[in-house]
C-alpha atoms as a PDB file:
ATOM      1  CA  MET A   1      43.478  44.117  47.482  1.00  0.00           C
ATOM      2  CA  ALA A   2      40.316  44.291  49.511  1.00  0.00           C
ATOM      3  CA  SER A   3      38.667  40.982  50.288  1.00  0.00           C
ATOM      4  CA  ASP A   4      35.316  42.343  49.111  1.00  0.00           C
ATOM      5  CA  GLU A   5      36.684  43.206  45.676  1.00  0.00           C
ATOM      6  CA  LYS A   6      34.616  41.977  42.749  1.00  0.00           C
ATOM      7  CA  LYS A   7      35.864  38.719  41.195  1.00  0.00           C
ATOM      8  CA  ILE A   8      35.792  37.696  37.552  1.00  0.00           C
ATOM      9  CA  ARG A   9      35.543  34.000  36.598  1.00  0.00           C
ATOM     10  CA  ARG A  10      38.053  32.923  33.945  1.00  0.00           C
ATOM     11  CA  THR A  11      38.922  29.646  32.245  1.00  0.00           C
ATOM     12  CA  LEU A  12      42.536  29.099  31.252  1.00  0.00           C
ATOM     13  CA  HIS A  13      43.570  26.432  28.727  1.00  0.00           C
ATOM     14  CA  PHE A  14      47.101  25.066  28.440  1.00  0.00           C
ATOM     15  CA  LYS A  15      47.397  22.933  25.290  1.00  0.00           C
ATOM     16  CA  PHE A  16      50.573  20.915  24.891  1.00  0.00           C
ATOM     17  CA  THR A  17      52.054  17.720  23.507  1.00  0.00           C
ATOM     18  CA  VAL A  18      54.158  15.212  25.429  1.00  0.00           C
ATOM     19  CA  PRO A  19      55.225  12.406  23.079  1.00  0.00           C
ATOM     20  CA  GLY A  20      55.387   9.132  25.007  1.00  0.00           C
ATOM     21  CA  ALA A  21      53.832  10.630  28.148  1.00  0.00           C
ATOM     22  CA  SER A  22      54.265   8.329  31.118  1.00  0.00           C
ATOM     23  CA  GLU A  23      52.065   7.949  34.184  1.00  0.00           C
ATOM     24  CA  GLN A  24      54.872   9.620  36.137  1.00  0.00           C
ATOM     25  CA  MET A  25      54.788  12.674  33.842  1.00  0.00           C
ATOM     26  CA  ILE A  26      51.002  12.877  34.119  1.00  0.00           C
ATOM     27  CA  ALA A  27      51.238  12.688  37.932  1.00  0.00           C
ATOM     28  CA  MET A  28      53.770  15.518  37.909  1.00  0.00           C
ATOM     29  CA  ILE A  29      51.460  17.707  35.815  1.00  0.00           C
ATOM     30  CA  LYS A  30      48.573  16.997  38.170  1.00  0.00           C
ATOM     31  CA  SER A  31      50.738  17.810  41.187  1.00  0.00           C
ATOM     32  CA  ALA A  32      50.930  21.456  40.087  1.00  0.00           C
ATOM     33  CA  ALA A  33      47.217  21.952  40.824  1.00  0.00           C
ATOM     34  CA  PRO A  34      47.831  23.593  44.257  1.00  0.00           C
ATOM     35  CA  LEU A  35      49.688  26.430  42.518  1.00  0.00           C
ATOM     36  CA  TYR A  36      46.407  27.542  40.996  1.00  0.00           C
ATOM     37  CA  GLN A  37      44.920  28.082  44.456  1.00  0.00           C
ATOM     38  CA  MET A  38      46.836  31.378  44.572  1.00  0.00           C
ATOM     39  CA  PHE A  39      44.035  32.630  42.313  1.00  0.00           C
ATOM     40  CA  GLY A  40      41.380  31.640  44.857  1.00  0.00           C
ATOM     41  CA  ASP A  41      38.845  28.900  44.331  1.00  0.00           C
ATOM     42  CA  ALA A  42      40.453  27.230  41.313  1.00  0.00           C
ATOM     43  CA  GLN A  43      39.153  24.104  39.593  1.00  0.00           C
ATOM     44  CA  VAL A  44      41.783  22.152  37.631  1.00  0.00           C
ATOM     45  CA  ARG A  45      41.310  19.360  35.095  1.00  0.00           C
ATOM     46  CA  LEU A  46      43.832  17.536  32.951  1.00  0.00           C
ATOM     47  CA  LEU A  47      42.405  16.079  29.733  1.00  0.00           C
ATOM     48  CA  GLN A  48      44.166  13.640  27.409  1.00  0.00           C
ATOM     49  CA  ASN A  49      43.227  13.359  23.744  1.00  0.00           C
ATOM     50  CA  VAL A  50      41.862   9.852  23.106  1.00  0.00           C
ATOM     51  CA  ASP A  51      42.973   9.853  19.456  1.00  0.00           C
ATOM     52  CA  ASP A  52      46.419  11.335  20.163  1.00  0.00           C
ATOM     53  CA  PRO A  53      47.484  10.252  23.689  1.00  0.00           C
ATOM     54  CA  GLY A  54      50.482  12.595  23.648  1.00  0.00           C
ATOM     55  CA  ARG A  55      48.204  15.649  23.326  1.00  0.00           C
ATOM     56  CA  PHE A  56      46.874  17.278  26.511  1.00  0.00           C
ATOM     57  CA  LEU A  57      44.656  20.108  27.617  1.00  0.00           C
ATOM     58  CA  GLN A  58      44.878  21.431  31.149  1.00  0.00           C
ATOM     59  CA  GLU A  59      41.825  23.485  32.033  1.00  0.00           C
ATOM     60  CA  ILE A  60      41.886  25.831  35.010  1.00  0.00           C
ATOM     61  CA  GLU A  61      38.850  27.794  36.143  1.00  0.00           C
ATOM     62  CA  TYR A  62      39.607  30.537  38.633  1.00  0.00           C
ATOM     63  CA  ASP A  63      38.272  33.758  40.106  1.00  0.00           C
ATOM     64  CA  ALA A  64      40.521  36.723  39.491  1.00  0.00           C
ATOM     65  CA  PRO A  65      40.149  39.998  41.368  1.00  0.00           C
ATOM     66  CA  GLU A  66      38.755  42.506  38.895  1.00  0.00           C
ATOM     67  CA  SER A  67      41.675  44.906  39.427  1.00  0.00           C
ATOM     68  CA  LEU A  68      44.197  42.159  38.699  1.00  0.00           C
ATOM     69  CA  GLU A  69      42.309  40.841  35.680  1.00  0.00           C
ATOM     70  CA  THR A  70      42.265  44.268  34.069  1.00  0.00           C
ATOM     71  CA  ASN A  71      46.060  44.155  34.019  1.00  0.00           C
ATOM     72  CA  ARG A  72      47.092  40.570  33.275  1.00  0.00           C
ATOM     73  CA  GLN A  73      50.710  41.677  33.049  1.00  0.00           C
ATOM     74  CA  GLN A  74      50.694  41.794  36.856  1.00  0.00           C
ATOM     75  CA  ILE A  75      49.750  38.114  36.954  1.00  0.00           C
ATOM     76  CA  ALA A  76      52.260  37.210  34.263  1.00  0.00           C
ATOM     77  CA  SER A  77      55.037  38.976  36.148  1.00  0.00           C
ATOM     78  CA  ASP A  78      54.295  37.237  39.467  1.00  0.00           C
ATOM     79  CA  PRO A  79      57.440  35.238  40.419  1.00  0.00           C
ATOM     80  CA  ARG A  80      55.342  32.113  41.159  1.00  0.00           C
ATOM     81  CA  VAL A  81      53.755  32.251  37.725  1.00  0.00           C
ATOM     82  CA  GLN A  82      57.123  32.893  36.063  1.00  0.00           C
ATOM     83  CA  ALA A  83      58.696  29.903  37.826  1.00  0.00           C
ATOM     84  CA  TYR A  84      55.796  27.684  36.787  1.00  0.00           C
ATOM     85  CA  ILE A  85      55.984  28.781  33.146  1.00  0.00           C
ATOM     86  CA  MET A  86      59.751  28.218  33.068  1.00  0.00           C
ATOM     87  CA  GLY A  87      59.183  24.730  34.438  1.00  0.00           C
ATOM     88  CA  TRP A  88      56.640  24.011  31.698  1.00  0.00           C
ATOM     89  CA  LYS A  89      59.030  25.219  29.009  1.00  0.00           C
ATOM     90  CA  THR A  90      61.798  22.902  30.196  1.00  0.00           C
ATOM     91  CA  MET A  91      59.485  19.879  30.481  1.00  0.00           C
ATOM     92  CA  PHE A  92      57.666  20.345  27.189  1.00  0.00           C
ATOM     93  CA  PRO A  93      59.969  21.152  24.285  1.00  0.00           C
ATOM     94  CA  GLY A  94      57.088  21.764  21.876  1.00  0.00           C
ATOM     95  CA  ALA A  95      54.832  24.768  21.751  1.00  0.00           C
ATOM     96  CA  ILE A  96      52.450  25.410  24.598  1.00  0.00           C
ATOM     97  CA  GLU A  97      49.257  27.215  23.671  1.00  0.00           C
ATOM     98  CA  ILE A  98      47.739  29.340  26.424  1.00  0.00           C
ATOM     99  CA  GLU A  99      44.234  30.755  26.026  1.00  0.00           C
ATOM    100  CA  VAL A 100      42.000  32.620  28.490  1.00  0.00           C
ATOM    101  CA  TYR A 101      38.206  32.471  28.200  1.00  0.00           C
ATOM    102  CA  LYS A 102      35.271  34.083  29.932  1.00  0.00           C
ATOM    103  CA  VAL A 103      31.739  32.781  30.365  1.00  0.00           C
ATOM    104  CA  LEU A 104      29.080  34.740  28.488  1.00  0.00           C
END
């Protein structure tokens, strides 16, 4: 990929539930933030629902190269992404919702 390739800003939401989430679990989730730097200048936030403290939303804003964004299967098949998703599935037995947004 050329370094001058056009970038597309995306916002990714991971929605999940961790019943009885501990500070240690929250710290572990936050520690994954450097992984998102593989997408460039990523901004990561972890939000906790105030009415349901076991419910979380992790929001990641990143710039994806236009060529990569047009084929998200390439991202999904990246071994680093696969390892991260497998880790999430073992830590969080419930469903994880993943949504990708763009700014209009």
